[in-house]
N, C-alpha and C. Protein backbone atom coordinates (compact mmCIF):
# COMPACT_ATOMS: atom_id res chain seq x y z
N MET A 1 93.06 174.81 140.58
CA MET A 1 91.85 174.36 139.95
C MET A 1 90.47 175.15 140.41
N ASN A 2 90.50 176.23 141.42
CA ASN A 2 89.83 177.05 141.54
C ASN A 2 89.18 177.20 140.60
N ASP A 3 89.94 178.09 140.00
CA ASP A 3 89.14 178.15 138.50
C ASP A 3 88.57 177.73 137.15
N LEU A 4 89.03 176.73 137.51
CA LEU A 4 87.74 175.43 136.77
C LEU A 4 87.31 175.39 137.32
N ASN A 5 87.29 175.12 138.76
CA ASN A 5 86.00 174.67 140.05
C ASN A 5 85.00 176.06 139.37
N ASP A 6 85.37 176.52 139.55
CA ASP A 6 84.23 177.86 139.45
C ASP A 6 83.90 178.03 138.33
N LEU A 7 84.33 177.74 137.08
CA LEU A 7 84.30 177.82 136.03
C LEU A 7 83.01 176.46 135.63
N GLN A 8 82.84 174.89 136.02
CA GLN A 8 82.37 174.23 136.07
C GLN A 8 80.88 174.42 137.09
N ALA A 9 80.99 174.97 138.16
CA ALA A 9 80.26 175.42 138.82
C ALA A 9 79.21 176.63 138.17
N ARG A 10 79.32 177.15 137.47
CA ARG A 10 79.44 178.19 136.57
C ARG A 10 78.43 177.57 135.49
N LEU A 11 78.70 176.79 135.03
CA LEU A 11 78.49 176.44 133.74
C LEU A 11 76.86 175.63 133.93
N ARG A 12 77.35 174.84 135.36
CA ARG A 12 76.16 173.66 135.77
C ARG A 12 74.96 174.31 136.40
N ASP A 13 74.85 176.02 136.97
CA ASP A 13 74.27 176.60 137.98
C ASP A 13 74.00 178.17 137.36
N GLN A 14 74.63 178.56 136.31
CA GLN A 14 74.44 179.83 136.34
C GLN A 14 73.25 179.79 134.73
N ARG A 15 71.93 179.94 134.87
CA ARG A 15 70.98 179.79 133.42
C ARG A 15 70.41 181.86 133.52
N PRO A 16 70.40 181.74 132.01
CA PRO A 16 69.03 183.12 132.13
C PRO A 16 67.71 182.60 132.95
N ILE A 17 66.99 183.22 133.74
CA ILE A 17 65.62 182.97 134.53
C ILE A 17 64.19 183.31 132.86
N ASP A 18 63.68 182.20 133.73
CA ASP A 18 62.18 181.70 132.86
C ASP A 18 61.74 182.89 132.29
N TRP A 19 61.09 182.86 131.46
CA TRP A 19 59.92 183.84 131.48
C TRP A 19 58.85 184.96 132.67
N GLU A 20 58.67 183.43 133.10
CA GLU A 20 57.59 183.99 134.29
C GLU A 20 58.25 184.86 135.25
N GLN A 21 59.87 184.52 135.48
CA GLN A 21 60.54 185.43 136.13
C GLN A 21 61.27 186.90 135.95
N LEU A 22 61.20 186.78 134.82
CA LEU A 22 61.82 188.06 133.85
C LEU A 22 60.81 189.02 134.59
N PRO A 23 61.27 190.46 134.46
CA PRO A 23 60.85 191.46 135.50
C PRO A 23 59.03 191.98 134.73
N ASP A 24 58.12 191.65 135.17
CA ASP A 24 56.73 192.21 134.31
C ASP A 24 56.58 193.78 134.43
N PHE A 25 57.68 194.44 134.62
CA PHE A 25 57.69 195.74 134.84
C PHE A 25 59.20 196.48 133.88
N SER A 26 58.09 197.47 133.91
CA SER A 26 59.55 198.20 132.96
C SER A 26 60.81 198.46 133.62
N LEU A 27 61.84 198.77 132.90
CA LEU A 27 63.08 198.70 133.14
C LEU A 27 64.05 200.45 132.33
N TYR A 28 64.13 200.45 132.46
CA TYR A 28 65.40 201.90 132.04
C TYR A 28 66.78 201.59 132.13
N MET A 29 67.18 201.66 131.17
CA MET A 29 68.34 201.14 129.97
C MET A 29 69.38 201.13 131.25
N ASP A 30 69.57 201.53 132.52
CA ASP A 30 70.96 201.66 133.22
C ASP A 30 70.43 199.95 134.03
N GLN A 31 69.40 200.02 133.97
CA GLN A 31 68.43 198.73 134.91
C GLN A 31 68.69 197.52 134.09
N VAL A 32 68.24 197.80 132.86
CA VAL A 32 68.24 196.32 131.76
C VAL A 32 70.06 196.21 131.57
N LEU A 33 70.96 197.21 131.90
CA LEU A 33 72.38 196.84 131.62
C LEU A 33 72.65 195.60 132.96
N SER A 34 72.59 196.25 133.96
CA SER A 34 72.45 195.45 135.39
C SER A 34 71.97 194.26 135.44
N TYR A 35 70.84 194.14 134.79
CA TYR A 35 69.97 193.01 134.86
C TYR A 35 70.80 192.06 134.05
N MET A 36 71.23 192.24 132.91
CA MET A 36 71.95 191.02 131.50
C MET A 36 73.13 190.61 132.17
N ASP A 37 73.74 191.93 132.82
CA ASP A 37 75.28 190.96 133.55
C ASP A 37 74.71 189.39 134.37
N ARG A 38 73.21 189.40 134.89
CA ARG A 38 72.88 188.17 135.83
C ARG A 38 72.62 187.34 134.95
N GLN A 39 72.21 187.52 133.74
CA GLN A 39 71.37 186.67 132.82
C GLN A 39 72.77 185.13 131.92
N VAL A 40 73.81 186.21 131.82
CA VAL A 40 74.68 185.06 131.17
C VAL A 40 75.94 185.16 131.80
N ILE A 41 77.05 183.67 131.18
CA ILE A 41 78.07 183.82 132.07
C ILE A 41 78.99 185.14 131.80
N ARG A 42 79.91 185.83 132.06
CA ARG A 42 80.38 186.61 132.12
C ARG A 42 81.96 186.27 133.52
N PHE A 43 82.98 186.87 132.58
CA PHE A 43 83.81 186.51 133.26
C PHE A 43 84.97 188.11 133.16
N ASP A 44 85.00 188.66 134.40
CA ASP A 44 86.13 189.75 134.67
C ASP A 44 85.34 191.03 133.50
N GLY A 45 84.60 191.54 133.62
CA GLY A 45 83.66 192.54 132.58
C GLY A 45 83.58 191.95 131.16
N ASP A 46 84.32 191.08 130.73
CA ASP A 46 83.97 190.52 129.36
C ASP A 46 83.01 190.26 128.56
N ASP A 47 82.93 191.57 127.52
CA ASP A 47 81.50 191.03 126.50
C ASP A 47 80.56 191.47 127.13
N GLY A 48 80.73 192.53 128.08
CA GLY A 48 79.29 192.68 128.42
C GLY A 48 78.63 193.73 127.14
N LEU A 49 77.08 193.68 127.82
CA LEU A 49 76.00 194.80 127.00
C LEU A 49 76.34 195.99 127.73
N THR A 50 75.98 197.19 126.25
CA THR A 50 76.10 198.53 126.28
C THR A 50 75.24 199.22 126.41
N ALA A 51 74.79 200.29 126.79
CA ALA A 51 73.88 201.22 126.06
C ALA A 51 73.98 201.40 124.56
N ALA A 52 75.08 201.72 124.03
CA ALA A 52 75.60 201.37 122.57
C ALA A 52 75.20 200.39 121.89
N MET A 53 75.29 199.16 122.48
CA MET A 53 74.76 198.05 121.78
C MET A 53 73.58 197.76 121.89
N VAL A 54 72.69 198.20 122.92
CA VAL A 54 71.30 198.17 122.85
C VAL A 54 71.07 198.95 122.09
N ASN A 55 71.40 200.18 122.12
CA ASN A 55 70.89 200.66 120.93
C ASN A 55 71.03 200.38 119.55
N ASN A 56 71.77 199.98 119.06
CA ASN A 56 72.54 199.51 117.52
C ASN A 56 71.60 198.55 117.23
N TYR A 57 71.29 197.79 118.23
CA TYR A 57 70.40 196.20 118.12
C TYR A 57 69.10 197.03 118.06
N THR A 58 68.84 197.95 118.50
CA THR A 58 66.82 198.18 118.17
C THR A 58 67.36 199.23 117.09
N LYS A 59 68.15 199.81 116.31
CA LYS A 59 67.90 200.58 115.57
C LYS A 59 68.17 200.11 114.61
N SER A 60 68.86 198.80 114.42
CA SER A 60 68.93 197.83 113.04
C SER A 60 67.61 196.55 113.34
N GLY A 61 67.50 196.75 114.19
CA GLY A 61 65.50 195.80 114.45
C GLY A 61 65.67 194.51 115.12
N LEU A 62 67.13 194.30 115.01
CA LEU A 62 67.64 192.88 116.08
C LEU A 62 66.56 193.02 117.50
N ALA A 63 66.22 193.67 118.01
CA ALA A 63 65.52 193.76 119.17
C ALA A 63 64.36 194.76 119.25
N PRO A 64 63.41 194.96 119.69
CA PRO A 64 62.48 195.44 119.79
C PRO A 64 62.49 197.00 120.45
N ARG A 65 62.56 198.02 119.53
CA ARG A 65 62.09 199.17 120.33
C ARG A 65 62.15 199.27 121.95
N ALA A 66 62.63 200.29 122.73
CA ALA A 66 61.94 200.57 123.83
C ALA A 66 60.59 201.27 123.83
N GLU A 67 60.27 201.64 124.84
CA GLU A 67 58.40 201.59 124.54
C GLU A 67 58.82 203.09 125.65
N GLY A 68 59.26 204.28 124.77
CA GLY A 68 59.67 205.70 125.69
C GLY A 68 61.12 204.87 126.00
N LYS A 69 61.39 205.24 126.79
CA LYS A 69 62.49 205.04 127.44
C LYS A 69 63.00 204.15 128.20
N LYS A 70 62.00 202.78 128.06
CA LYS A 70 61.63 201.67 129.09
C LYS A 70 61.45 200.27 128.40
N TYR A 71 62.26 199.30 129.18
CA TYR A 71 62.41 198.30 128.37
C TYR A 71 61.64 197.13 129.27
N GLY A 72 61.01 196.09 128.61
CA GLY A 72 60.19 195.68 129.18
C GLY A 72 60.50 193.96 129.10
N ARG A 73 59.48 192.92 129.71
CA ARG A 73 60.16 191.72 129.60
C ARG A 73 60.95 191.04 127.56
N GLU A 74 59.86 191.38 127.09
CA GLU A 74 60.38 190.95 125.74
C GLU A 74 61.68 191.29 125.03
N HIS A 75 61.99 192.74 126.03
CA HIS A 75 63.17 192.98 125.52
C HIS A 75 64.28 192.34 126.28
N LEU A 76 63.90 191.86 127.14
CA LEU A 76 65.20 191.24 128.42
C LEU A 76 65.29 189.66 127.42
N ALA A 77 64.41 189.48 127.34
CA ALA A 77 64.23 187.97 126.10
C ALA A 77 64.99 188.25 125.17
N TYR A 78 65.05 189.07 123.86
CA TYR A 78 65.67 189.49 123.41
C TYR A 78 67.48 189.93 123.63
N PHE A 79 67.34 190.37 124.16
CA PHE A 79 68.87 190.85 124.95
C PHE A 79 69.61 189.33 125.08
N THR A 80 69.03 189.05 126.22
CA THR A 80 69.51 187.44 126.10
C THR A 80 69.74 186.86 125.25
N VAL A 81 69.02 186.72 124.49
CA VAL A 81 70.00 185.61 123.35
C VAL A 81 70.98 186.52 122.62
N ILE A 82 70.70 187.94 122.32
CA ILE A 82 71.76 187.84 121.74
C ILE A 82 72.66 188.08 122.18
N CYS A 83 73.09 188.38 123.70
CA CYS A 83 74.21 188.35 124.62
C CYS A 83 74.88 187.30 124.12
N VAL A 84 73.85 185.97 124.34
CA VAL A 84 74.85 185.06 124.33
C VAL A 84 75.03 184.49 122.53
N LEU A 85 74.31 184.77 121.63
CA LEU A 85 74.91 184.11 120.43
C LEU A 85 75.66 185.17 119.79
N LYS A 86 75.68 186.45 120.40
CA LYS A 86 76.77 187.79 119.66
C LYS A 86 78.29 186.77 119.92
N ARG A 87 78.74 185.89 120.96
CA ARG A 87 80.16 185.24 121.25
C ARG A 87 80.27 184.87 119.97
N VAL A 88 79.39 183.82 119.08
CA VAL A 88 79.08 182.52 118.43
C VAL A 88 79.14 183.07 116.56
N MET A 89 78.28 184.20 116.38
CA MET A 89 77.60 184.19 115.34
C MET A 89 77.89 185.51 114.73
N SER A 90 77.71 186.01 113.40
CA SER A 90 78.12 187.29 113.24
C SER A 90 76.09 187.87 113.16
N THR A 91 75.72 189.28 113.39
CA THR A 91 74.45 190.06 113.68
C THR A 91 73.88 189.54 113.03
N ARG A 92 74.04 189.52 111.52
CA ARG A 92 73.40 188.92 109.97
C ARG A 92 72.87 187.37 110.38
N ASP A 93 73.58 186.41 110.75
CA ASP A 93 73.05 185.55 111.05
C ASP A 93 72.10 185.09 112.16
N MET A 94 72.62 186.36 113.60
CA MET A 94 71.29 186.03 114.90
C MET A 94 70.10 186.78 114.46
N ASP A 95 70.29 187.45 113.25
CA ASP A 95 68.58 188.24 112.83
C ASP A 95 67.98 187.12 112.62
N LEU A 96 68.78 186.79 111.54
CA LEU A 96 68.05 185.20 110.86
C LEU A 96 67.26 184.57 111.52
N LEU A 97 68.03 183.55 112.85
CA LEU A 97 67.53 183.35 113.94
C LEU A 97 66.62 183.68 114.66
N ILE A 98 66.99 184.81 115.46
CA ILE A 98 65.99 185.94 116.27
C ILE A 98 64.66 185.98 115.76
N ARG A 99 64.75 186.05 114.69
CA ARG A 99 63.05 186.04 113.54
C ARG A 99 62.13 184.95 113.46
N GLU A 100 63.18 183.72 113.70
CA GLU A 100 62.73 182.51 113.76
C GLU A 100 62.09 182.01 114.28
N GLU A 101 62.97 182.03 115.95
CA GLU A 101 63.09 181.98 117.39
C GLU A 101 62.14 182.38 117.88
N LEU A 102 61.74 183.88 117.67
CA LEU A 102 61.40 185.03 118.68
C LEU A 102 60.31 185.21 118.05
N GLN A 103 60.60 185.40 116.32
CA GLN A 103 58.80 186.61 115.74
C GLN A 103 58.59 185.84 114.78
N GLY A 104 58.97 183.93 115.04
CA GLY A 104 57.99 183.16 114.13
C GLY A 104 56.63 183.08 114.68
N ASP A 105 56.16 181.47 114.00
CA ASP A 105 54.72 181.40 114.42
C ASP A 105 54.53 181.58 116.08
N ARG A 106 55.40 181.34 117.27
CA ARG A 106 55.01 181.15 117.94
C ARG A 106 54.52 181.86 119.50
N PRO A 107 53.92 182.31 120.56
CA PRO A 107 54.70 183.59 121.40
C PRO A 107 56.10 183.51 121.48
N ILE A 108 56.67 184.71 121.78
CA ILE A 108 57.66 185.03 122.10
C ILE A 108 58.34 184.34 123.26
N ARG A 109 57.58 183.83 123.92
CA ARG A 109 57.77 183.23 125.62
C ARG A 109 58.03 181.59 124.75
N ASP A 110 57.18 181.58 123.98
CA ASP A 110 57.77 179.75 123.43
C ASP A 110 59.00 179.87 123.08
N GLY A 111 59.22 181.00 122.02
CA GLY A 111 60.73 180.87 121.57
C GLY A 111 61.89 180.66 122.94
N TYR A 112 61.38 182.28 123.51
CA TYR A 112 62.45 182.33 124.65
C TYR A 112 62.72 181.01 125.48
N ALA A 113 61.18 179.88 125.71
CA ALA A 113 62.07 178.78 126.37
C ALA A 113 62.65 177.89 125.76
N ALA A 114 62.37 177.75 124.79
CA ALA A 114 63.35 176.79 123.49
C ALA A 114 64.54 177.18 123.62
N PHE A 115 64.59 178.24 123.55
CA PHE A 115 66.34 179.17 123.75
C PHE A 115 66.81 178.46 125.05
N ARG A 116 66.05 178.66 125.86
CA ARG A 116 67.02 178.04 127.85
C ARG A 116 67.15 176.90 127.14
N GLU A 117 66.31 176.25 126.85
CA GLU A 117 66.33 174.93 126.77
C GLU A 117 67.64 174.24 126.07
N SER A 118 67.95 175.05 124.94
CA SER A 118 69.36 174.30 124.31
C SER A 118 70.30 174.60 124.75
N LEU A 119 70.62 176.03 125.51
CA LEU A 119 71.18 176.49 126.48
C LEU A 119 71.82 175.79 127.11
N ASP A 120 70.50 175.29 128.11
CA ASP A 120 70.73 174.17 129.28
C ASP A 120 71.81 173.65 129.27
N LYS A 121 70.76 172.65 127.71
CA LYS A 121 71.42 171.39 127.53
C LYS A 121 73.38 171.55 127.55
N ALA A 122 73.41 172.71 126.64
CA ALA A 122 74.94 173.25 125.95
C ALA A 122 75.56 172.77 127.05
N LEU A 123 75.22 174.13 128.01
CA LEU A 123 75.90 174.33 129.44
C LEU A 123 76.01 172.40 130.14
N ASN A 124 74.98 172.29 130.00
CA ASN A 124 75.42 170.80 130.84
C ASN A 124 76.40 170.03 130.73
N ILE A 125 76.34 169.49 128.97
CA ILE A 125 77.26 168.75 128.34
C ILE A 125 78.70 169.37 128.70
N THR A 126 79.15 170.79 128.34
CA THR A 126 80.04 171.34 128.83
C THR A 126 80.63 171.05 130.21
N ALA A 127 79.54 171.15 131.03
CA ALA A 127 80.27 171.15 132.11
C ALA A 127 80.75 169.35 132.76
N ASP A 128 79.42 168.83 131.58
CA ASP A 128 80.34 166.91 132.12
C ASP A 128 81.65 166.65 131.48
N GLU A 129 81.41 167.22 130.20
CA GLU A 129 82.66 167.29 129.85
C GLU A 129 84.38 167.93 130.48
N LEU A 130 83.87 169.03 130.93
CA LEU A 130 84.88 169.90 131.57
C LEU A 130 85.92 168.74 133.04
N ALA A 131 84.44 167.97 133.42
CA ALA A 131 84.71 167.64 134.59
C ALA A 131 85.26 166.00 134.29
N SER A 132 85.28 165.87 133.07
CA SER A 132 85.85 164.63 132.60
C SER A 132 86.95 164.86 132.25
N ARG A 133 87.63 165.67 131.76
CA ARG A 133 88.98 166.57 132.05
C ARG A 133 89.93 166.75 132.61
N THR A 134 89.42 167.16 133.29
CA THR A 134 89.85 167.83 134.49
C THR A 134 89.74 166.79 136.23
N GLY A 135 89.08 166.21 136.24
CA GLY A 135 88.80 165.74 137.23
C GLY A 135 89.09 166.44 138.76
N ASP A 136 89.67 165.68 139.77
CA ASP A 136 90.24 166.74 140.92
C ASP A 136 91.46 167.34 141.36
N GLU A 137 92.17 167.22 140.39
CA GLU A 137 93.75 167.10 140.19
C GLU A 137 93.55 168.65 139.75
N GLU A 138 95.03 168.97 140.43
CA GLU A 138 95.09 170.12 139.81
C GLU A 138 95.87 170.23 137.93
N LEU A 139 95.46 170.70 137.16
CA LEU A 139 95.91 170.32 135.88
C LEU A 139 97.08 171.19 135.60
N ASP A 140 98.19 170.66 134.76
CA ASP A 140 99.55 171.63 134.65
C ASP A 140 98.77 172.27 133.36
N ASP A 141 100.23 172.89 133.08
CA ASP A 141 100.08 174.34 131.80
C ASP A 141 99.90 172.81 130.56
N ALA A 142 100.96 172.06 130.71
CA ALA A 142 100.11 171.65 129.06
C ALA A 142 98.60 170.76 128.91
N ALA A 143 98.35 170.04 129.65
CA ALA A 143 97.08 169.59 130.27
C ALA A 143 95.90 170.62 130.05
N LEU A 144 96.19 172.07 130.60
CA LEU A 144 95.22 173.27 130.25
C LEU A 144 95.20 173.40 129.26
N ALA A 145 96.68 173.89 128.12
CA ALA A 145 96.48 173.53 127.21
C ALA A 145 95.94 172.71 125.99
N ASP A 146 95.81 171.55 126.33
CA ASP A 146 95.37 170.67 125.92
C ASP A 146 93.71 170.53 126.04
N THR A 147 93.03 170.59 127.48
CA THR A 147 91.85 171.01 127.70
C THR A 147 91.38 172.37 126.54
N ALA A 148 91.98 173.55 126.78
CA ALA A 148 91.66 174.45 125.71
C ALA A 148 91.28 173.98 124.32
N ILE A 149 92.38 173.63 124.24
CA ILE A 149 92.33 173.51 122.64
C ILE A 149 91.29 172.46 122.14
N HIS A 150 90.83 170.83 123.09
CA HIS A 150 90.16 170.60 123.19
C HIS A 150 88.41 171.43 123.17
N PHE A 151 88.42 171.96 123.94
CA PHE A 151 87.21 172.83 123.75
C PHE A 151 86.57 173.94 122.93
N ALA A 152 88.09 174.01 122.41
CA ALA A 152 88.33 174.93 120.92
C ALA A 152 87.70 174.43 119.92
N LEU A 153 87.55 172.91 119.95
CA LEU A 153 87.40 172.79 119.00
C LEU A 153 86.23 172.09 119.24
N LEU A 154 85.85 171.73 119.92
CA LEU A 154 84.49 171.75 119.99
C LEU A 154 83.56 172.78 119.52
N SER A 155 84.05 174.10 120.02
CA SER A 155 83.47 174.88 118.99
C SER A 155 83.14 175.38 118.05
N TYR A 156 84.68 175.12 117.43
CA TYR A 156 84.79 175.10 116.03
C TYR A 156 84.04 173.99 115.05
N ALA A 157 83.70 172.97 115.83
CA ALA A 157 82.65 171.44 115.45
C ALA A 157 81.06 171.72 115.30
N ALA A 158 80.96 172.71 116.44
CA ALA A 158 79.40 173.09 116.69
C ALA A 158 79.51 174.34 115.92
N GLY A 159 80.43 175.12 115.96
CA GLY A 159 80.41 176.10 114.67
C GLY A 159 79.93 176.14 113.56
N VAL A 160 80.76 175.20 113.09
CA VAL A 160 80.49 174.57 111.39
C VAL A 160 78.65 174.16 111.71
N ALA A 161 78.81 173.92 112.34
CA ALA A 161 76.98 172.72 112.40
C ALA A 161 76.06 173.76 111.93
N GLY A 162 76.30 174.53 113.52
CA GLY A 162 75.13 175.95 113.59
C GLY A 162 75.24 177.03 112.05
N ASN A 163 76.45 177.31 111.69
CA ASN A 163 76.64 177.87 110.52
C ASN A 163 75.79 177.09 109.05
N ARG A 164 76.37 176.04 108.97
CA ARG A 164 75.70 175.42 107.70
C ARG A 164 73.99 175.23 108.08
N CYS A 165 73.50 174.95 109.18
CA CYS A 165 72.20 175.01 109.65
C CYS A 165 71.60 176.76 109.38
N VAL A 166 72.18 177.81 109.82
CA VAL A 166 71.47 178.54 109.30
C VAL A 166 71.66 178.56 107.90
N ALA A 167 72.89 178.58 107.40
CA ALA A 167 72.97 179.08 105.43
C ALA A 167 71.75 178.35 104.88
N LEU A 168 71.63 176.87 105.21
CA LEU A 168 70.19 176.20 105.07
C LEU A 168 68.86 176.96 105.30
N LEU A 169 69.21 177.33 106.75
CA LEU A 169 67.86 178.52 107.02
C LEU A 169 67.72 179.35 105.89
N ARG A 170 68.69 180.21 105.42
CA ARG A 170 68.13 181.38 104.76
C ARG A 170 68.06 180.93 103.83
N GLU A 171 68.61 179.99 102.54
CA GLU A 171 68.09 179.57 101.24
C GLU A 171 66.66 179.23 101.41
N ARG A 172 66.23 178.67 102.68
CA ARG A 172 65.01 178.43 102.11
C ARG A 172 64.23 179.21 102.37
N LYS A 173 64.00 180.59 103.34
CA LYS A 173 64.06 181.94 103.31
C LYS A 173 63.65 182.40 102.54
N GLU A 174 64.99 182.28 101.45
CA GLU A 174 65.38 183.22 100.37
C GLU A 174 64.47 182.67 99.01
N THR A 175 64.81 181.38 99.06
CA THR A 175 63.81 180.41 97.40
C THR A 175 62.80 180.41 97.96
N GLY A 176 61.80 180.23 99.11
CA GLY A 176 60.76 180.64 99.22
C GLY A 176 59.75 178.87 99.73
N LYS A 177 61.26 178.13 100.42
CA LYS A 177 60.86 176.46 100.23
C LYS A 177 61.20 176.26 101.82
N GLY A 178 60.05 177.23 102.68
CA GLY A 178 59.74 176.89 104.10
C GLY A 178 58.99 175.98 104.40
N LYS A 179 58.92 175.54 105.94
CA LYS A 179 58.41 174.74 106.34
C LYS A 179 57.07 174.34 105.63
N LYS A 180 56.01 175.69 105.65
CA LYS A 180 54.82 175.81 105.21
C LYS A 180 54.66 175.56 103.74
N GLU A 181 56.02 175.64 102.48
CA GLU A 181 55.44 175.58 101.27
C GLU A 181 56.23 174.15 100.65
N LYS A 182 56.96 173.22 102.21
CA LYS A 182 57.62 171.89 101.84
C LYS A 182 56.00 171.23 102.02
N GLU A 183 55.56 171.53 103.25
CA GLU A 183 54.29 170.46 103.45
C GLU A 183 53.09 170.42 102.48
N ARG A 184 53.07 171.59 101.40
CA ARG A 184 51.82 171.50 100.40
C ARG A 184 52.90 170.79 99.35
N GLU A 185 53.75 170.23 98.73
CA GLU A 185 54.42 169.78 97.96
C GLU A 185 54.14 168.05 98.05
């Protein structure tokens, strides 16, 4: 049960830090990679950000290019969003959402705050759901499998909803029927 208690605690406590707490000085690549390990929940070195990934994300325009060889607060916000979203959606879908959330009509700090707020709610809901399924008892293999299936199905359902919202957003962008145009109708 220690592993599930650890998971529940991390779901409740481990969050990307807010904009004001992000370093307001430039970081080199190795510092960015080290910093990002603290921004997202990871286990056993899985799915960490690498220098090659950073280069690919900046080359593709998913994140802004480094200033010289240094990265700032804005880069850390982008990489945080990317590291979370890359686990659940395609690069193409991430690109659309990042453009809307971090490069839209509001300042990046506000888009990052909105992202953190949504992530906070999702992590709290998951921690509560985990607590209700596990209680204080050690789960046997069948109960652990049932719990894994439960969360996989929640992920599936949320993924269907997220994918549909992305498709609707993409359709609006492609047809020019965005929010501003709808307001004029």
